């Protein structure tokens, strides 16, 4: 099963010029957002990104940026942990996704 969030809203960015191809982003990403091709990282599908920040936190050359804990992905995680419905204030009724 492929988990996608809202299309086109991910804050994930990769600066390929900075990338050294170490592959840490591909190793730590829980949703396989990255792959390494021709000694450089590549984003497979940014819509799979849950904005956890693991990739950016493990990139030794700061080639990846992502606003960790924003948007619906964070609301879903927080709701799960609290046992409540997701709430990121993006819907008219205050619910998310």
PDB file of N, CA and C in Angstrom:
ATOM      1  N   UNK A   1       0.839  -1.167   0.000  1.00  0.00           N
ATOM      2  CA  UNK A   1       0.000   0.000   0.000  1.00  0.00           C
ATOM      3  C   UNK A   1       0.892   1.240   0.000  1.00  0.00           C
ATOM      4  N   UNK A   2       0.569   2.208  -0.821  1.00  0.00           N
ATOM      5  CA  UNK A   2       1.334   3.438  -0.941  1.00  0.00           C
ATOM      6  C   UNK A   2       0.585   4.549  -0.219  1.00  0.00           C
ATOM      7  N   UNK A   3       1.200   5.114   0.833  1.00  0.00           N
ATOM      8  CA  UNK A   3       0.565   6.179   1.603  1.00  0.00           C
ATOM      9  C   UNK A   3       0.929   7.529   1.036  1.00  0.00           C
ATOM     10  N   UNK A   4      -0.049   8.243   0.521  1.00  0.00           N
ATOM     11  CA  UNK A   4       0.168   9.589   0.028  1.00  0.00           C
ATOM     12  C   UNK A   4      -0.580  10.564   0.913  1.00  0.00           C
ATOM     13  N   UNK A   5      -0.067  11.764   0.982  1.00  0.00           N
ATOM     14  CA  UNK A   5      -0.731  12.822   1.714  1.00  0.00           C
ATOM     15  C   UNK A   5      -1.368  13.744   0.687  1.00  0.00           C
ATOM     16  N   UNK A   6      -1.518  14.983   0.964  1.00  0.00           N
ATOM     17  CA  UNK A   6      -2.102  15.898  -0.007  1.00  0.00           C
ATOM     18  C   UNK A   6      -1.114  16.134  -1.138  1.00  0.00           C
ATOM     19  N   UNK A   7      -1.600  16.083  -2.358  1.00  0.00           N
ATOM     20  CA  UNK A   7      -0.734  16.253  -3.520  1.00  0.00           C
ATOM     21  C   UNK A   7      -0.198  17.683  -3.616  1.00  0.00           C
ATOM     22  N   UNK A   8       1.103  17.770  -3.886  1.00  0.00           N
ATOM     23  CA  UNK A   8       1.727  19.037  -4.182  1.00  0.00           C
ATOM     24  C   UNK A   8       1.934  19.998  -3.025  1.00  0.00           C
ATOM     25  N   UNK A   9       1.844  19.524  -1.792  1.00  0.00           N
ATOM     26  CA  UNK A   9       2.011  20.437  -0.660  1.00  0.00           C
ATOM     27  C   UNK A   9       3.261  20.162   0.181  1.00  0.00           C
ATOM     28  N   UNK A  10       4.005  19.147  -0.137  1.00  0.00           N
ATOM     29  CA  UNK A  10       5.193  18.810   0.638  1.00  0.00           C
ATOM     30  C   UNK A  10       6.214  19.945   0.593  1.00  0.00           C
ATOM     31  N   UNK A  11       6.868  20.175   1.713  1.00  0.00           N
ATOM     32  CA  UNK A  11       7.903  21.209   1.800  1.00  0.00           C
ATOM     33  C   UNK A  11       9.286  20.646   1.480  1.00  0.00           C
ATOM     34  N   UNK A  12       9.366  19.391   1.102  1.00  0.00           N
ATOM     35  CA  UNK A  12      10.629  18.707   0.843  1.00  0.00           C
ATOM     36  C   UNK A  12      11.347  19.286  -0.378  1.00  0.00           C
ATOM     37  N   UNK A  13      12.629  19.606  -0.188  1.00  0.00           N
ATOM     38  CA  UNK A  13      13.472  20.107  -1.277  1.00  0.00           C
ATOM     39  C   UNK A  13      14.825  19.409  -1.217  1.00  0.00           C
ATOM     40  N   UNK A  14      15.377  19.115  -2.388  1.00  0.00           N
ATOM     41  CA  UNK A  14      16.688  18.479  -2.500  1.00  0.00           C
ATOM     42  C   UNK A  14      17.567  19.321  -3.406  1.00  0.00           C
ATOM     43  N   UNK A  15      18.728  19.724  -2.910  1.00  0.00           N
ATOM     44  CA  UNK A  15      19.709  20.453  -3.705  1.00  0.00           C
ATOM     45  C   UNK A  15      20.703  19.419  -4.239  1.00  0.00           C
ATOM     46  N   UNK A  16      20.484  18.991  -5.454  1.00  0.00           N
ATOM     47  CA  UNK A  16      21.292  17.929  -6.053  1.00  0.00           C
ATOM     48  C   UNK A  16      22.761  18.351  -6.177  1.00  0.00           C
ATOM     49  N   UNK A  17      23.010  19.626  -6.365  1.00  0.00           N
ATOM     50  CA  UNK A  17      24.394  20.097  -6.474  1.00  0.00           C
ATOM     51  C   UNK A  17      25.175  19.880  -5.182  1.00  0.00           C
ATOM     52  N   UNK A  18      24.525  19.959  -4.035  1.00  0.00           N
ATOM     53  CA  UNK A  18      25.186  19.721  -2.745  1.00  0.00           C
ATOM     54  C   UNK A  18      25.330  18.237  -2.431  1.00  0.00           C
ATOM     55  N   UNK A  19      24.453  17.411  -2.999  1.00  0.00           N
ATOM     56  CA  UNK A  19      24.395  15.984  -2.669  1.00  0.00           C
ATOM     57  C   UNK A  19      25.706  15.273  -3.017  1.00  0.00           C
ATOM     58  N   UNK A  20      26.177  14.430  -2.069  1.00  0.00           N
ATOM     59  CA  UNK A  20      27.389  13.642  -2.288  1.00  0.00           C
ATOM     60  C   UNK A  20      27.070  12.167  -2.540  1.00  0.00           C
ATOM     61  N   UNK A  21      25.788  11.824  -2.575  1.00  0.00           N
ATOM     62  CA  UNK A  21      25.382  10.457  -2.901  1.00  0.00           C
ATOM     63  C   UNK A  21      25.611   9.442  -1.808  1.00  0.00           C
ATOM     64  N   UNK A  22      25.643   9.868  -0.560  1.00  0.00           N
ATOM     65  CA  UNK A  22      25.908   8.932   0.539  1.00  0.00           C
ATOM     66  C   UNK A  22      24.756   7.947   0.757  1.00  0.00           C
ATOM     67  N   UNK A  23      23.536   8.350   0.392  1.00  0.00           N
ATOM     68  CA  UNK A  23      22.385   7.462   0.505  1.00  0.00           C
ATOM     69  C   UNK A  23      21.705   7.430   1.854  1.00  0.00           C
ATOM     70  N   UNK A  24      22.156   8.256   2.798  1.00  0.00           N
ATOM     71  CA  UNK A  24      21.520   8.247   4.122  1.00  0.00           C
ATOM     72  C   UNK A  24      20.041   8.596   4.033  1.00  0.00           C
ATOM     73  N   UNK A  25      19.669   9.505   3.150  1.00  0.00           N
ATOM     74  CA  UNK A  25      18.256   9.876   3.010  1.00  0.00           C
ATOM     75  C   UNK A  25      17.405   8.667   2.635  1.00  0.00           C
ATOM     76  N   UNK A  26      17.916   7.849   1.734  1.00  0.00           N
ATOM     77  CA  UNK A  26      17.185   6.654   1.315  1.00  0.00           C
ATOM     78  C   UNK A  26      17.101   5.623   2.438  1.00  0.00           C
ATOM     79  N   UNK A  27      18.145   5.562   3.252  1.00  0.00           N
ATOM     80  CA  UNK A  27      18.179   4.607   4.364  1.00  0.00           C
ATOM     81  C   UNK A  27      17.165   4.984   5.448  1.00  0.00           C
ATOM     82  N   UNK A  28      17.094   6.270   5.816  1.00  0.00           N
ATOM     83  CA  UNK A  28      16.280   6.673   6.967  1.00  0.00           C
ATOM     84  C   UNK A  28      14.833   7.026   6.621  1.00  0.00           C
ATOM     85  N   UNK A  29      14.517   7.237   5.359  1.00  0.00           N
ATOM     86  CA  UNK A  29      13.161   7.646   4.986  1.00  0.00           C
ATOM     87  C   UNK A  29      12.171   6.496   5.165  1.00  0.00           C
ATOM     88  N   UNK A  30      11.137   6.678   6.007  1.00  0.00           N
ATOM     89  CA  UNK A  30      10.186   5.585   6.245  1.00  0.00           C
ATOM     90  C   UNK A  30       9.239   5.326   5.071  1.00  0.00           C
ATOM     91  N   UNK A  31       9.193   6.217   4.081  1.00  0.00           N
ATOM     92  CA  UNK A  31       8.266   6.044   2.967  1.00  0.00           C
ATOM     93  C   UNK A  31       8.955   5.929   1.616  1.00  0.00           C
ATOM     94  N   UNK A  32      10.241   5.645   1.603  1.00  0.00           N
ATOM     95  CA  UNK A  32      11.003   5.444   0.369  1.00  0.00           C
ATOM     96  C   UNK A  32      10.845   6.611  -0.608  1.00  0.00           C
ATOM     97  N   UNK A  33      10.972   7.817  -0.091  1.00  0.00           N
ATOM     98  CA  UNK A  33      10.854   9.012  -0.920  1.00  0.00           C
ATOM     99  C   UNK A  33      12.115   9.227  -1.760  1.00  0.00           C
ATOM    100  N   UNK A  34      13.235   8.662  -1.330  1.00  0.00           N
ATOM    101  CA  UNK A  34      14.514   8.874  -2.018  1.00  0.00           C
ATOM    102  C   UNK A  34      15.062   7.596  -2.623  1.00  0.00           C
ATOM    103  N   UNK A  35      15.838   7.780  -3.688  1.00  0.00           N
ATOM    104  CA  UNK A  35      16.657   6.712  -4.249  1.00  0.00           C
ATOM    105  C   UNK A  35      17.967   7.368  -4.672  1.00  0.00           C
ATOM    106  N   UNK A  36      19.006   6.577  -4.833  1.00  0.00           N
ATOM    107  CA  UNK A  36      20.292   7.094  -5.281  1.00  0.00           C
ATOM    108  C   UNK A  36      20.537   6.572  -6.687  1.00  0.00           C
ATOM    109  N   UNK A  37      20.745   7.508  -7.606  1.00  0.00           N
ATOM    110  CA  UNK A  37      21.022   7.180  -9.006  1.00  0.00           C
ATOM    111  C   UNK A  37      22.223   7.988  -9.463  1.00  0.00           C
ATOM    112  N   UNK A  38      23.127   7.329 -10.135  1.00  0.00           N
ATOM    113  CA  UNK A  38      24.302   8.023 -10.667  1.00  0.00           C
ATOM    114  C   UNK A  38      25.012   8.864  -9.603  1.00  0.00           C
ATOM    115  N   UNK A  39      25.143   8.283  -8.415  1.00  0.00           N
ATOM    116  CA  UNK A  39      25.858   8.898  -7.292  1.00  0.00           C
ATOM    117  C   UNK A  39      25.232  10.182  -6.777  1.00  0.00           C
ATOM    118  N   UNK A  40      23.928  10.325  -6.964  1.00  0.00           N
ATOM    119  CA  UNK A  40      23.177  11.472  -6.442  1.00  0.00           C
ATOM    120  C   UNK A  40      21.820  10.982  -5.948  1.00  0.00           C
ATOM    121  N   UNK A  41      21.325  11.612  -4.903  1.00  0.00           N
ATOM    122  CA  UNK A  41      19.982  11.297  -4.428  1.00  0.00           C
ATOM    123  C   UNK A  41      18.962  11.886  -5.391  1.00  0.00           C
ATOM    124  N   UNK A  42      17.809  11.250  -5.425  1.00  0.00           N
ATOM    125  CA  UNK A  42      16.688  11.742  -6.226  1.00  0.00           C
ATOM    126  C   UNK A  42      15.414  11.509  -5.437  1.00  0.00           C
ATOM    127  N   UNK A  43      14.455  12.394  -5.594  1.00  0.00           N
ATOM    128  CA  UNK A  43      13.157  12.235  -4.947  1.00  0.00           C
ATOM    129  C   UNK A  43      12.273  11.396  -5.859  1.00  0.00           C
ATOM    130  N   UNK A  44      11.768  10.285  -5.330  1.00  0.00           N
ATOM    131  CA  UNK A  44      10.920   9.402  -6.137  1.00  0.00           C
ATOM    132  C   UNK A  44       9.518   9.961  -6.284  1.00  0.00           C
ATOM    133  N   UNK A  45       8.962  10.465  -5.176  1.00  0.00           N
ATOM    134  CA  UNK A  45       7.608  11.028  -5.184  1.00  0.00           C
ATOM    135  C   UNK A  45       7.454  11.880  -3.921  1.00  0.00           C
ATOM    136  N   UNK A  46       7.515  13.181  -4.075  1.00  0.00           N
ATOM    137  CA  UNK A  46       7.438  14.088  -2.922  1.00  0.00           C
ATOM    138  C   UNK A  46       6.106  13.969  -2.190  1.00  0.00           C
ATOM    139  N   UNK A  47       5.058  13.498  -2.865  1.00  0.00           N
ATOM    140  CA  UNK A  47       3.755  13.349  -2.216  1.00  0.00           C
ATOM    141  C   UNK A  47       3.730  12.215  -1.190  1.00  0.00           C
ATOM    142  N   UNK A  48       4.760  11.381  -1.183  1.00  0.00           N
ATOM    143  CA  UNK A  48       4.879  10.331  -0.166  1.00  0.00           C
ATOM    144  C   UNK A  48       5.479  10.858   1.131  1.00  0.00           C
ATOM    145  N   UNK A  49       6.074  12.031   1.078  1.00  0.00           N
ATOM    146  CA  UNK A  49       6.778  12.601   2.229  1.00  0.00           C
ATOM    147  C   UNK A  49       5.811  12.965   3.351  1.00  0.00           C
ATOM    148  N   UNK A  50       6.110  12.485   4.565  1.00  0.00           N
ATOM    149  CA  UNK A  50       5.289  12.820   5.725  1.00  0.00           C
ATOM    150  C   UNK A  50       5.934  13.923   6.560  1.00  0.00           C
ATOM    151  N   UNK A  51       6.985  14.515   6.028  1.00  0.00           N
ATOM    152  CA  UNK A  51       7.661  15.647   6.645  1.00  0.00           C
ATOM    153  C   UNK A  51       8.160  15.351   8.067  1.00  0.00           C
ATOM    154  N   UNK A  52       8.720  14.164   8.242  1.00  0.00           N
ATOM    155  CA  UNK A  52       9.243  13.794   9.561  1.00  0.00           C
ATOM    156  C   UNK A  52      10.603  14.424   9.831  1.00  0.00           C
ATOM    157  N   UNK A  53      11.350  14.753   8.778  1.00  0.00           N
ATOM    158  CA  UNK A  53      12.645  15.400   8.939  1.00  0.00           C
ATOM    159  C   UNK A  53      13.826  14.471   9.078  1.00  0.00           C
ATOM    160  N   UNK A  54      13.609  13.159   9.017  1.00  0.00           N
ATOM    161  CA  UNK A  54      14.711  12.206   9.176  1.00  0.00           C
ATOM    162  C   UNK A  54      15.767  12.386   8.093  1.00  0.00           C
ATOM    163  N   UNK A  55      15.338  12.641   6.876  1.00  0.00           N
ATOM    164  CA  UNK A  55      16.285  12.799   5.759  1.00  0.00           C
ATOM    165  C   UNK A  55      17.180  14.012   5.978  1.00  0.00           C
ATOM    166  N   UNK A  56      16.580  15.144   6.270  1.00  0.00           N
ATOM    167  CA  UNK A  56      17.346  16.377   6.473  1.00  0.00           C
ATOM    168  C   UNK A  56      18.264  16.262   7.682  1.00  0.00           C
ATOM    169  N   UNK A  57      17.783  15.643   8.732  1.00  0.00           N
ATOM    170  CA  UNK A  57      18.575  15.491   9.944  1.00  0.00           C
ATOM    171  C   UNK A  57      19.771  14.573   9.785  1.00  0.00           C
ATOM    172  N   UNK A  58      19.732  13.715   8.786  1.00  0.00           N
ATOM    173  CA  UNK A  58      20.820  12.768   8.565  1.00  0.00           C
ATOM    174  C   UNK A  58      21.667  13.080   7.340  1.00  0.00           C
ATOM    175  N   UNK A  59      21.367  14.161   6.649  1.00  0.00           N
ATOM    176  CA  UNK A  59      22.155  14.555   5.477  1.00  0.00           C
ATOM    177  C   UNK A  59      23.416  15.279   5.945  1.00  0.00           C
ATOM    178  N   UNK A  60      24.598  14.726   5.660  1.00  0.00           N
ATOM    179  CA  UNK A  60      25.829  15.331   6.173  1.00  0.00           C
ATOM    180  C   UNK A  60      26.227  16.638   5.482  1.00  0.00           C
ATOM    181  N   UNK A  61      25.594  16.959   4.352  1.00  0.00           N
ATOM    182  CA  UNK A  61      25.972  18.173   3.622  1.00  0.00           C
ATOM    183  C   UNK A  61      24.811  19.159   3.484  1.00  0.00           C
ATOM    184  N   UNK A  62      23.751  18.958   4.242  1.00  0.00           N
ATOM    185  CA  UNK A  62      22.586  19.853   4.231  1.00  0.00           C
ATOM    186  C   UNK A  62      22.003  20.063   2.830  1.00  0.00           C
ATOM    187  N   UNK A  63      21.921  18.981   2.063  1.00  0.00           N
ATOM    188  CA  UNK A  63      21.358  19.059   0.715  1.00  0.00           C
ATOM    189  C   UNK A  63      19.832  18.955   0.728  1.00  0.00           C
ATOM    190  N   UNK A  64      19.267  18.603   1.880  1.00  0.00           N
ATOM    191  CA  UNK A  64      17.818  18.396   1.976  1.00  0.00           C
ATOM    192  C   UNK A  64      17.229  19.372   2.981  1.00  0.00           C
ATOM    193  N   UNK A  65      16.115  19.969   2.608  1.00  0.00           N
ATOM    194  CA  UNK A  65      15.365  20.801   3.536  1.00  0.00           C
ATOM    195  C   UNK A  65      13.925  20.336   3.541  1.00  0.00           C
ATOM    196  N   UNK A  66      13.328  20.395   4.710  1.00  0.00           N
ATOM    197  CA  UNK A  66      11.915  20.052   4.871  1.00  0.00           C
ATOM    198  C   UNK A  66      11.449  20.714   6.155  1.00  0.00           C
ATOM    199  N   UNK A  67      10.277  21.269   6.130  1.00  0.00           N
ATOM    200  CA  UNK A  67       9.721  21.868   7.341  1.00  0.00           C
ATOM    201  C   UNK A  67       9.099  20.747   8.163  1.00  0.00           C
ATOM    202  N   UNK A  68       9.875  20.249   9.083  1.00  0.00           N
ATOM    203  CA  UNK A  68       9.469  19.117   9.920  1.00  0.00           C
ATOM    204  C   UNK A  68       8.258  19.478  10.773  1.00  0.00           C
ATOM    205  N   UNK A  69       7.278  18.580  10.777  1.00  0.00           N
ATOM    206  CA  UNK A  69       6.131  18.738  11.664  1.00  0.00           C
ATOM    207  C   UNK A  69       5.111  19.759  11.215  1.00  0.00           C
ATOM    208  N   UNK A  70       4.996  19.987   9.915  1.00  0.00           N
ATOM    209  CA  UNK A  70       3.987  20.922   9.418  1.00  0.00           C
ATOM    210  C   UNK A  70       2.872  20.168   8.710  1.00  0.00           C
ATOM    211  N   UNK A  71       1.774  20.842   8.498  1.00  0.00           N
ATOM    212  CA  UNK A  71       0.717  20.325   7.644  1.00  0.00           C
ATOM    213  C   UNK A  71       0.000  19.104   8.168  1.00  0.00           C
ATOM    214  N   UNK A  72      -0.637  18.435   7.248  1.00  0.00           N
ATOM    215  CA  UNK A  72      -1.510  17.320   7.588  1.00  0.00           C
ATOM    216  C   UNK A  72      -0.763  16.113   8.138  1.00  0.00           C
ATOM    217  N   UNK A  73       0.459  15.879   7.674  1.00  0.00           N
ATOM    218  CA  UNK A  73       1.199  14.720   8.184  1.00  0.00           C
ATOM    219  C   UNK A  73       1.400  14.834   9.688  1.00  0.00           C
ATOM    220  N   UNK A  74       1.770  16.007  10.152  1.00  0.00           N
ATOM    221  CA  UNK A  74       1.942  16.209  11.589  1.00  0.00           C
ATOM    222  C   UNK A  74       0.617  16.072  12.320  1.00  0.00           C
ATOM    223  N   UNK A  75      -0.450  16.583  11.723  1.00  0.00           N
ATOM    224  CA  UNK A  75      -1.773  16.495  12.361  1.00  0.00           C
ATOM    225  C   UNK A  75      -2.207  15.043  12.507  1.00  0.00           C
ATOM    226  N   UNK A  76      -1.931  14.233  11.502  1.00  0.00           N
ATOM    227  CA  UNK A  76      -2.282  12.810  11.561  1.00  0.00           C
ATOM    228  C   UNK A  76      -1.492  12.123  12.668  1.00  0.00           C
ATOM    229  N   UNK A  77      -0.172  12.381  12.734  1.00  0.00           N
ATOM    230  CA  UNK A  77       0.659  11.764  13.783  1.00  0.00           C
ATOM    231  C   UNK A  77       0.208  12.204  15.173  1.00  0.00           C
ATOM    232  N   UNK A  78      -0.032  13.491  15.341  1.00  0.00           N
ATOM    233  CA  UNK A  78      -0.448  14.009  16.646  1.00  0.00           C
ATOM    234  C   UNK A  78      -1.793  13.419  17.053  1.00  0.00           C
ATOM    235  N   UNK A  79      -2.734  13.365  16.126  1.00  0.00           N
ATOM    236  CA  UNK A  79      -4.039  12.767  16.411  1.00  0.00           C
ATOM    237  C   UNK A  79      -3.916  11.312  16.826  1.00  0.00           C
ATOM    238  N   UNK A  80      -3.052  10.575  16.131  1.00  0.00           N
ATOM    239  CA  UNK A  80      -2.846   9.167  16.466  1.00  0.00           C
ATOM    240  C   UNK A  80      -2.291   9.025  17.878  1.00  0.00           C
ATOM    241  N   UNK A  81      -1.288   9.831  18.204  1.00  0.00           N
ATOM    242  CA  UNK A  81      -0.660   9.749  19.521  1.00  0.00           C
ATOM    243  C   UNK A  81      -1.601  10.172  20.650  1.00  0.00           C
ATOM    244  N   UNK A  82      -2.461  11.156  20.369  1.00  0.00           N
ATOM    245  CA  UNK A  82      -3.399  11.642  21.382  1.00  0.00           C
ATOM    246  C   UNK A  82      -4.714  10.872  21.388  1.00  0.00           C
ATOM    247  N   UNK A  83      -4.932  10.044  20.374  1.00  0.00           N
ATOM    248  CA  UNK A  83      -6.195   9.304  20.286  1.00  0.00           C
ATOM    249  C   UNK A  83      -7.347  10.181  19.825  1.00  0.00           C
ATOM    250  N   UNK A  84      -7.015  11.244  19.080  1.00  0.00           N
ATOM    251  CA  UNK A  84      -8.033  12.163  18.580  1.00  0.00           C
ATOM    252  C   UNK A  84      -8.004  12.177  17.054  1.00  0.00           C
ATOM    253  N   UNK A  85      -8.963  12.859  16.480  1.00  0.00           N
ATOM    254  CA  UNK A  85      -8.961  13.043  15.030  1.00  0.00           C
ATOM    255  C   UNK A  85      -7.869  14.040  14.663  1.00  0.00           C
ATOM    256  N   UNK A  86      -7.309  13.931  13.438  1.00  0.00           N
ATOM    257  CA  UNK A  86      -6.322  14.922  12.995  1.00  0.00           C
ATOM    258  C   UNK A  86      -6.933  16.314  12.978  1.00  0.00           C
ATOM    259  N   UNK A  87      -6.145  17.311  13.348  1.00  0.00           N
ATOM    260  CA  UNK A  87      -6.625  18.680  13.344  1.00  0.00           C
ATOM    261  C   UNK A  87      -5.493  19.622  12.949  1.00  0.00           C
ATOM    262  N   UNK A  88      -5.520  20.063  11.702  1.00  0.00           N
ATOM    263  CA  UNK A  88      -4.509  21.028  11.247  1.00  0.00           C
ATOM    264  C   UNK A  88      -5.174  22.314  10.771  1.00  0.00           C
ATOM    265  N   UNK A  89      -6.459  22.428  11.030  1.00  0.00           N
ATOM    266  CA  UNK A  89      -7.217  23.624  10.677  1.00  0.00           C
ATOM    267  C   UNK A  89      -7.264  23.901   9.180  1.00  0.00           C
ATOM    268  N   UNK A  90      -7.135  22.856   8.355  1.00  0.00           N
ATOM    269  CA  UNK A  90      -7.200  23.096   6.917  1.00  0.00           C
ATOM    270  C   UNK A  90      -8.611  22.878   6.368  1.00  0.00           C
ATOM    271  N   UNK A  91      -9.478  22.269   7.162  1.00  0.00           N
ATOM    272  CA  UNK A  91     -10.860  22.076   6.726  1.00  0.00           C
ATOM    273  C   UNK A  91     -11.772  23.089   7.380  1.00  0.00           C
ATOM    274  N   UNK A  92     -12.942  23.309   6.785  1.00  0.00           N
ATOM    275  CA  UNK A  92     -13.888  24.256   7.347  1.00  0.00           C
ATOM    276  C   UNK A  92     -14.329  23.874   8.755  1.00  0.00           C
ATOM    277  N   UNK A  93     -14.343  22.589   9.029  1.00  0.00           N
ATOM    278  CA  UNK A  93     -14.781  22.128  10.348  1.00  0.00           C
ATOM    279  C   UNK A  93     -13.613  21.908  11.312  1.00  0.00           C
ATOM    280  N   UNK A  94     -12.382  22.307  10.888  1.00  0.00           N
ATOM    281  CA  UNK A  94     -11.223  22.156  11.762  1.00  0.00           C
ATOM    282  C   UNK A  94     -10.548  20.813  11.665  1.00  0.00           C
ATOM    283  N   UNK A  95     -11.076  19.904  10.863  1.00  0.00           N
ATOM    284  CA  UNK A  95     -10.432  18.601  10.696  1.00  0.00           C
ATOM    285  C   UNK A  95      -9.514  18.633   9.498  1.00  0.00           C
ATOM    286  N   UNK A  96      -8.784  17.577   9.346  1.00  0.00           N
ATOM    287  CA  UNK A  96      -7.757  17.520   8.314  1.00  0.00           C
ATOM    288  C   UNK A  96      -7.928  16.269   7.455  1.00  0.00           C
ATOM    289  N   UNK A  97      -7.438  16.347   6.287  1.00  0.00           N
ATOM    290  CA  UNK A  97      -7.351  15.207   5.370  1.00  0.00           C
ATOM    291  C   UNK A  97      -8.688  14.556   5.121  1.00  0.00           C
TER     292      UNK A  97
END
